[in-house]
Every structure is written in C-alpha cells, then in structure tokens.
Amino acid sequence: EKFKRMYEKSMIKKRYMHLTE
C-alpha cells in the first residue's frame, strides 16, 4: 500500500510538472 501511494504521488508530480512545462 505504501508503495502504491508513493507511486501515485510520483505520477501526479510528473504529470503536474509536464503540464507546467
């Protein structure tokens, strides 16, 4: 579960950075 949460957070961060760029 912890890994899944970290994975989701990481994906959101990547997506957010991609949108800002």
Protein backbone atom coordinates (compact mmCIF):
# COMPACT_ATOMS: atom_id res chain seq x y z
CA GLU A 1 0.00 0.00 0.00
CA LYS A 2 2.78 2.40 0.92
CA PHE A 3 4.48 1.76 -2.40
CA LYS A 4 1.23 2.35 -4.27
CA ARG A 5 0.77 5.68 -2.52
CA MET A 6 4.31 6.74 -3.34
CA TYR A 7 3.79 5.63 -6.94
CA GLU A 8 0.59 7.64 -7.28
CA LYS A 9 2.22 10.68 -5.73
CA SER A 10 5.15 10.33 -8.09
CA MET A 11 2.84 10.04 -11.09
CA ILE A 12 0.88 13.13 -10.05
CA LYS A 13 4.10 15.09 -9.61
CA LYS A 14 5.35 14.01 -13.03
CA ARG A 15 2.03 14.88 -14.64
CA TYR A 16 1.96 18.24 -12.86
CA MET A 17 5.49 19.07 -13.98
CA HIS A 18 4.60 18.03 -17.52
CA LEU A 19 1.57 20.32 -17.52
CA THR A 20 3.52 23.26 -16.17
CA GLU A 21 6.11 22.76 -18.87
